[in-house]
PDB file of all heavy atoms in Angstrom:
ATOM      1  N   THR A   1     112.929  95.977 117.967  1.00  0.00           N
ATOM      2  CA  THR A   1     113.624  94.865 117.230  1.00  0.00           C
ATOM      3  C   THR A   1     115.022  94.856 117.559  1.00  0.00           C
ATOM      4  O   THR A   1     115.657  93.873 117.218  1.00  0.00           O
ATOM      5  CB  THR A   1     113.342  94.963 115.813  1.00  0.00           C
ATOM      6  OG1 THR A   1     113.982  96.081 115.177  1.00  0.00           O
ATOM      7  CG2 THR A   1     111.844  95.056 115.482  1.00  0.00           C
ATOM      8  N   LEU A   2     115.576  95.987 118.120  1.00  0.00           N
ATOM      9  CA  LEU A   2     117.003  96.077 118.332  1.00  0.00           C
ATOM     10  C   LEU A   2     117.319  95.854 119.776  1.00  0.00           C
ATOM     11  O   LEU A   2     118.377  96.235 120.272  1.00  0.00           O
ATOM     12  CB  LEU A   2     117.530  97.428 117.835  1.00  0.00           C
ATOM     13  CG  LEU A   2     117.235  97.871 116.494  1.00  0.00           C
ATOM     14  CD1 LEU A   2     117.666  99.290 116.268  1.00  0.00           C
ATOM     15  CD2 LEU A   2     117.993  96.904 115.505  1.00  0.00           C
ATOM     16  N   LYS A   3     116.458  95.286 120.473  1.00  0.00           N
ATOM     17  CA  LYS A   3     116.590  95.219 122.083  1.00  0.00           C
ATOM     18  C   LYS A   3     117.829  94.606 122.511  1.00  0.00           C
ATOM     19  O   LYS A   3     118.366  94.877 123.599  1.00  0.00           O
ATOM     20  CB  LYS A   3     115.402  94.392 122.659  1.00  0.00           C
ATOM     21  CG  LYS A   3     115.226  92.991 122.222  1.00  0.00           C
ATOM     22  CD  LYS A   3     114.037  92.315 122.884  1.00  0.00           C
ATOM     23  CE  LYS A   3     114.022  90.870 122.622  1.00  0.00           C
ATOM     24  NZ  LYS A   3     112.967  90.440 121.803  1.00  0.00           N
ATOM     25  N   ASP A   4     118.424  93.651 121.703  1.00  0.00           N
ATOM     26  CA  ASP A   4     119.659  93.086 122.123  1.00  0.00           C
ATOM     27  C   ASP A   4     120.973  93.721 121.553  1.00  0.00           C
ATOM     28  O   ASP A   4     122.032  93.240 121.932  1.00  0.00           O
ATOM     29  CB  ASP A   4     119.653  91.566 121.616  1.00  0.00           C
ATOM     30  CG  ASP A   4     118.590  90.705 122.302  1.00  0.00           C
ATOM     31  OD1 ASP A   4     118.297  91.086 123.442  1.00  0.00           O
ATOM     32  OD2 ASP A   4     118.144  89.802 121.698  1.00  0.00           O
ATOM     33  N   ALA A   5     120.739  94.759 120.792  1.00  0.00           N
ATOM     34  CA  ALA A   5     121.922  95.464 120.167  1.00  0.00           C
ATOM     35  C   ALA A   5     122.382  96.416 121.118  1.00  0.00           C
ATOM     36  O   ALA A   5     121.821  96.848 122.050  1.00  0.00           O
ATOM     37  CB  ALA A   5     121.457  96.194 119.016  1.00  0.00           C
ATOM     38  N   HIS A   6     123.785  96.740 120.988  1.00  0.00           N
ATOM     39  CA  HIS A   6     124.452  97.672 121.907  1.00  0.00           C
ATOM     40  C   HIS A   6     123.886  99.067 121.557  1.00  0.00           C
ATOM     41  O   HIS A   6     123.279  99.392 120.448  1.00  0.00           O
ATOM     42  CB  HIS A   6     125.924  97.747 121.409  1.00  0.00           C
ATOM     43  CG  HIS A   6     126.786  98.582 122.301  1.00  0.00           C
ATOM     44  ND1 HIS A   6     127.013  99.964 122.126  1.00  0.00           N
ATOM     45  CD2 HIS A   6     127.547  98.234 123.427  1.00  0.00           C
ATOM     46  CE1 HIS A   6     127.832 100.379 123.076  1.00  0.00           C
ATOM     47  NE2 HIS A   6     128.071  99.351 123.837  1.00  0.00           N
ATOM     48  N   PHE A   7     123.842  99.927 122.592  1.00  0.00           N
ATOM     49  CA  PHE A   7     123.183 101.139 122.419  1.00  0.00           C
ATOM     50  C   PHE A   7     123.714 102.063 121.402  1.00  0.00           C
ATOM     51  O   PHE A   7     122.879 102.815 120.769  1.00  0.00           O
ATOM     52  CB  PHE A   7     123.016 102.005 123.812  1.00  0.00           C
ATOM     53  CG  PHE A   7     124.422 102.605 124.268  1.00  0.00           C
ATOM     54  CD1 PHE A   7     124.652 103.931 123.920  1.00  0.00           C
ATOM     55  CD2 PHE A   7     125.306 101.862 125.004  1.00  0.00           C
ATOM     56  CE1 PHE A   7     125.913 104.493 124.266  1.00  0.00           C
ATOM     57  CE2 PHE A   7     126.468 102.419 125.406  1.00  0.00           C
ATOM     58  CZ  PHE A   7     126.823 103.763 124.959  1.00  0.00           C
ATOM     59  N   ASN A   8     125.030 101.948 121.042  1.00  0.00           N
ATOM     60  CA  ASN A   8     125.502 102.736 119.892  1.00  0.00           C
ATOM     61  C   ASN A   8     124.933 102.211 118.615  1.00  0.00           C
ATOM     62  O   ASN A   8     124.613 103.039 117.725  1.00  0.00           O
ATOM     63  CB  ASN A   8     127.030 102.577 119.891  1.00  0.00           C
ATOM     64  CG  ASN A   8     127.769 103.303 120.870  1.00  0.00           C
ATOM     65  OD1 ASN A   8     127.233 104.292 121.453  1.00  0.00           O
ATOM     66  ND2 ASN A   8     128.983 102.979 121.235  1.00  0.00           N
ATOM     67  N   VAL A   9     124.650 100.968 118.463  1.00  0.00           N
ATOM     68  CA  VAL A   9     124.113 100.447 117.219  1.00  0.00           C
ATOM     69  C   VAL A   9     122.594 100.975 117.081  1.00  0.00           C
ATOM     70  O   VAL A   9     122.135 101.319 116.035  1.00  0.00           O
ATOM     71  CB  VAL A   9     124.147  98.938 117.264  1.00  0.00           C
ATOM     72  CG1 VAL A   9     123.298  98.364 116.093  1.00  0.00           C
ATOM     73  CG2 VAL A   9     125.604  98.394 117.121  1.00  0.00           C
ATOM     74  N   LYS A  10     121.894 100.935 118.291  1.00  0.00           N
ATOM     75  CA  LYS A  10     120.474 101.429 118.380  1.00  0.00           C
ATOM     76  C   LYS A  10     120.512 102.909 117.870  1.00  0.00           C
ATOM     77  O   LYS A  10     119.627 103.213 117.017  1.00  0.00           O
ATOM     78  CB  LYS A  10     120.002 101.264 119.714  1.00  0.00           C
ATOM     79  CG  LYS A  10     119.688  99.858 120.201  1.00  0.00           C
ATOM     80  CD  LYS A  10     119.134  99.820 121.551  1.00  0.00           C
ATOM     81  CE  LYS A  10     118.985  98.418 122.018  1.00  0.00           C
ATOM     82  NZ  LYS A  10     118.405  98.348 123.440  1.00  0.00           N
ATOM     83  N   GLY A  11     121.419 103.641 118.352  1.00  0.00           N
ATOM     84  CA  GLY A  11     121.391 105.072 117.946  1.00  0.00           C
ATOM     85  C   GLY A  11     121.763 105.261 116.560  1.00  0.00           C
ATOM     86  O   GLY A  11     121.043 106.125 115.840  1.00  0.00           O
ATOM     87  N   ARG A  12     122.671 104.459 115.949  1.00  0.00           N
ATOM     88  CA  ARG A  12     123.017 104.631 114.559  1.00  0.00           C
ATOM     89  C   ARG A  12     121.866 104.117 113.633  1.00  0.00           C
ATOM     90  O   ARG A  12     121.564 104.657 112.550  1.00  0.00           O
ATOM     91  CB  ARG A  12     124.288 103.907 114.205  1.00  0.00           C
ATOM     92  CG  ARG A  12     125.537 104.533 114.851  1.00  0.00           C
ATOM     93  CD  ARG A  12     126.845 103.973 114.245  1.00  0.00           C
ATOM     94  NE  ARG A  12     126.996 102.549 114.404  1.00  0.00           N
ATOM     95  CZ  ARG A  12     127.545 101.947 115.369  1.00  0.00           C
ATOM     96  NH1 ARG A  12     128.127 102.646 116.387  1.00  0.00           N
ATOM     97  NH2 ARG A  12     127.729 100.675 115.426  1.00  0.00           N
ATOM     98  N   CYS A  13     121.061 103.162 114.125  1.00  0.00           N
ATOM     99  CA  CYS A  13     119.974 102.536 113.334  1.00  0.00           C
ATOM    100  C   CYS A  13     118.749 103.571 113.387  1.00  0.00           C
ATOM    101  O   CYS A  13     118.063 103.698 112.428  1.00  0.00           O
ATOM    102  CB  CYS A  13     119.523 101.198 113.880  1.00  0.00           C
ATOM    103  SG  CYS A  13     120.617  99.903 113.422  1.00  0.00           S
ATOM    104  N   LEU A  14     118.630 104.172 114.574  1.00  0.00           N
ATOM    105  CA  LEU A  14     117.541 105.243 114.528  1.00  0.00           C
ATOM    106  C   LEU A  14     117.991 106.414 113.581  1.00  0.00           C
ATOM    107  O   LEU A  14     117.060 106.992 112.963  1.00  0.00           O
ATOM    108  CB  LEU A  14     117.286 105.779 116.046  1.00  0.00           C
ATOM    109  CG  LEU A  14     116.269 106.750 116.209  1.00  0.00           C
ATOM    110  CD1 LEU A  14     114.843 106.153 115.766  1.00  0.00           C
ATOM    111  CD2 LEU A  14     116.138 107.185 117.678  1.00  0.00           C
ATOM    112  N   TYR A  15     119.269 106.760 113.675  1.00  0.00           N
ATOM    113  CA  TYR A  15     119.661 107.909 112.832  1.00  0.00           C
ATOM    114  C   TYR A  15     119.347 107.514 111.295  1.00  0.00           C
ATOM    115  O   TYR A  15     118.887 108.254 110.580  1.00  0.00           O
ATOM    116  CB  TYR A  15     121.200 108.153 112.942  1.00  0.00           C
ATOM    117  CG  TYR A  15     121.685 109.368 112.235  1.00  0.00           C
ATOM    118  CD1 TYR A  15     121.880 110.570 112.933  1.00  0.00           C
ATOM    119  CD2 TYR A  15     122.022 109.221 110.943  1.00  0.00           C
ATOM    120  CE1 TYR A  15     122.481 111.676 112.338  1.00  0.00           C
ATOM    121  CE2 TYR A  15     122.550 110.425 110.222  1.00  0.00           C
ATOM    122  CZ  TYR A  15     122.785 111.514 110.970  1.00  0.00           C
ATOM    123  OH  TYR A  15     123.215 112.686 110.347  1.00  0.00           O
ATOM    124  N   ALA A  16     119.681 106.244 110.972  1.00  0.00           N
ATOM    125  CA  ALA A  16     119.475 105.828 109.706  1.00  0.00           C
ATOM    126  C   ALA A  16     117.921 105.796 109.276  1.00  0.00           C
ATOM    127  O   ALA A  16     117.624 106.104 108.231  1.00  0.00           O
ATOM    128  CB  ALA A  16     119.936 104.303 109.493  1.00  0.00           C
ATOM    129  N   LEU A  17     117.115 105.469 110.227  1.00  0.00           N
ATOM    130  CA  LEU A  17     115.702 105.512 110.008  1.00  0.00           C
ATOM    131  C   LEU A  17     115.173 106.830 109.760  1.00  0.00           C
ATOM    132  O   LEU A  17     114.429 107.115 108.778  1.00  0.00           O
ATOM    133  CB  LEU A  17     114.863 104.992 111.253  1.00  0.00           C
ATOM    134  CG  LEU A  17     113.401 105.006 111.180  1.00  0.00           C
ATOM    135  CD1 LEU A  17     112.878 104.113 110.064  1.00  0.00           C
ATOM    136  CD2 LEU A  17     112.783 104.540 112.437  1.00  0.00           C
ATOM    137  N   TRP A  18     115.691 107.849 110.492  1.00  0.00           N
ATOM    138  CA  TRP A  18     115.165 109.304 110.220  1.00  0.00           C
ATOM    139  C   TRP A  18     115.760 109.805 108.862  1.00  0.00           C
ATOM    140  O   TRP A  18     115.025 110.495 108.222  1.00  0.00           O
ATOM    141  CB  TRP A  18     115.686 110.180 111.347  1.00  0.00           C
ATOM    142  CG  TRP A  18     115.027 110.027 112.755  1.00  0.00           C
ATOM    143  CD1 TRP A  18     115.631 109.776 113.925  1.00  0.00           C
ATOM    144  CD2 TRP A  18     113.667 109.993 113.006  1.00  0.00           C
ATOM    145  NE1 TRP A  18     114.665 109.670 114.898  1.00  0.00           N
ATOM    146  CE2 TRP A  18     113.469 109.756 114.377  1.00  0.00           C
ATOM    147  CE3 TRP A  18     112.433 110.057 112.240  1.00  0.00           C
ATOM    148  CZ2 TRP A  18     112.206 109.687 115.020  1.00  0.00           C
ATOM    149  CZ3 TRP A  18     111.187 109.962 112.890  1.00  0.00           C
ATOM    150  CH2 TRP A  18     111.151 109.731 114.236  1.00  0.00           C
ATOM    151  N   TYR A  19     116.935 109.353 108.592  1.00  0.00           N
ATOM    152  CA  TYR A  19     117.557 109.750 107.232  1.00  0.00           C
ATOM    153  C   TYR A  19     116.664 108.993 106.149  1.00  0.00           C
ATOM    154  O   TYR A  19     116.365 109.783 105.129  1.00  0.00           O
ATOM    155  CB  TYR A  19     119.019 109.276 107.203  1.00  0.00           C
ATOM    156  CG  TYR A  19     119.549 109.539 105.830  1.00  0.00           C
ATOM    157  CD1 TYR A  19     119.827 110.777 105.502  1.00  0.00           C
ATOM    158  CD2 TYR A  19     119.697 108.570 104.825  1.00  0.00           C
ATOM    159  CE1 TYR A  19     120.398 111.163 104.192  1.00  0.00           C
ATOM    160  CE2 TYR A  19     120.242 108.804 103.642  1.00  0.00           C
ATOM    161  CZ  TYR A  19     120.605 110.221 103.301  1.00  0.00           C
ATOM    162  OH  TYR A  19     121.094 110.440 102.079  1.00  0.00           O
ATOM    163  N   ALA A  20     116.197 107.865 106.289  1.00  0.00           N
ATOM    164  CA  ALA A  20     115.433 107.223 105.384  1.00  0.00           C
ATOM    165  C   ALA A  20     114.050 107.889 105.080  1.00  0.00           C
ATOM    166  O   ALA A  20     113.651 107.877 104.053  1.00  0.00           O
ATOM    167  CB  ALA A  20     115.259 105.689 105.654  1.00  0.00           C
ATOM    168  N   ILE A  21     113.533 108.352 106.276  1.00  0.00           N
ATOM    169  CA  ILE A  21     112.286 109.148 106.086  1.00  0.00           C
ATOM    170  C   ILE A  21     112.545 110.442 105.340  1.00  0.00           C
ATOM    171  O   ILE A  21     111.852 110.878 104.437  1.00  0.00           O
ATOM    172  CB  ILE A  21     111.710 109.413 107.460  1.00  0.00           C
ATOM    173  CG1 ILE A  21     111.175 108.054 108.142  1.00  0.00           C
ATOM    174  CG2 ILE A  21     110.577 110.401 107.320  1.00  0.00           C
ATOM    175  CD1 ILE A  21     110.827 108.223 109.508  1.00  0.00           C
ATOM    176  N   LYS A  22     113.661 111.045 105.676  1.00  0.00           N
ATOM    177  CA  LYS A  22     114.071 112.346 104.946  1.00  0.00           C
ATOM    178  C   LYS A  22     114.129 112.055 103.474  1.00  0.00           C
ATOM    179  O   LYS A  22     113.677 113.010 102.630  1.00  0.00           O
ATOM    180  CB  LYS A  22     115.419 112.844 105.460  1.00  0.00           C
ATOM    181  CG  LYS A  22     116.036 114.061 104.768  1.00  0.00           C
ATOM    182  CD  LYS A  22     117.386 114.332 105.254  1.00  0.00           C
ATOM    183  CE  LYS A  22     117.966 115.457 104.408  1.00  0.00           C
ATOM    184  NZ  LYS A  22     119.315 115.830 104.946  1.00  0.00           N
ATOM    185  N   ILE A  23     114.738 111.046 103.014  1.00  0.00           N
ATOM    186  CA  ILE A  23     114.926 110.845 101.584  1.00  0.00           C
ATOM    187  C   ILE A  23     113.864 110.150 100.916  1.00  0.00           C
ATOM    188  O   ILE A  23     113.866 109.862  99.731  1.00  0.00           O
ATOM    189  CB  ILE A  23     116.340 110.175 101.262  1.00  0.00           C
ATOM    190  CG1 ILE A  23     116.345 108.743 101.800  1.00  0.00           C
ATOM    191  CG2 ILE A  23     117.575 111.079 101.861  1.00  0.00           C
ATOM    192  CD1 ILE A  23     117.566 107.942 101.331  1.00  0.00           C
ATOM    193  N   GLY A  24     112.904 109.648 101.608  1.00  0.00           N
ATOM    194  CA  GLY A  24     111.646 109.094 101.053  1.00  0.00           C
ATOM    195  C   GLY A  24     111.746 107.541 100.854  1.00  0.00           C
ATOM    196  O   GLY A  24     110.901 107.020 100.220  1.00  0.00           O
ATOM    197  N   GLU A  25     112.746 106.853 101.431  1.00  0.00           N
ATOM    198  CA  GLU A  25     112.861 105.438 101.434  1.00  0.00           C
ATOM    199  C   GLU A  25     111.861 104.795 102.400  1.00  0.00           C
ATOM    200  O   GLU A  25     111.429 103.727 102.280  1.00  0.00           O
ATOM    201  CB  GLU A  25     114.349 105.022 101.662  1.00  0.00           C
ATOM    202  CG  GLU A  25     115.300 105.249 100.540  1.00  0.00           C
ATOM    203  CD  GLU A  25     114.999 104.451  99.377  1.00  0.00           C
ATOM    204  OE1 GLU A  25     114.841 103.228  99.393  1.00  0.00           O
ATOM    205  OE2 GLU A  25     115.023 105.064  98.245  1.00  0.00           O
ATOM    206  N   VAL A  26     111.661 105.595 103.508  1.00  0.00           N
ATOM    207  CA  VAL A  26     110.623 105.165 104.546  1.00  0.00           C
ATOM    208  C   VAL A  26     109.599 106.322 104.458  1.00  0.00           C
ATOM    209  O   VAL A  26     110.018 107.442 104.470  1.00  0.00           O
ATOM    210  CB  VAL A  26     111.150 104.931 105.825  1.00  0.00           C
ATOM    211  CG1 VAL A  26     110.162 104.750 106.879  1.00  0.00           C
ATOM    212  CG2 VAL A  26     112.109 103.743 105.849  1.00  0.00           C
ATOM    213  N   ASN A  27     108.373 105.950 104.456  1.00  0.00           N
ATOM    214  CA  ASN A  27     107.252 106.976 104.377  1.00  0.00           C
ATOM    215  C   ASN A  27     106.438 107.153 105.716  1.00  0.00           C
ATOM    216  O   ASN A  27     106.462 106.222 106.446  1.00  0.00           O
ATOM    217  CB  ASN A  27     106.283 106.780 103.269  1.00  0.00           C
ATOM    218  CG  ASN A  27     106.784 107.287 101.907  1.00  0.00           C
ATOM    219  OD1 ASN A  27     107.539 108.259 101.894  1.00  0.00           O
ATOM    220  ND2 ASN A  27     106.292 106.561 100.827  1.00  0.00           N
TER     221      ASN A  27
END
């Protein structure tokens, strides 16, 4: 879904996703 985003944004969004899994916001 981030195909048009800059690679730095993609990396930060993936980091945010793993963090959300860590804290239970994403299961």
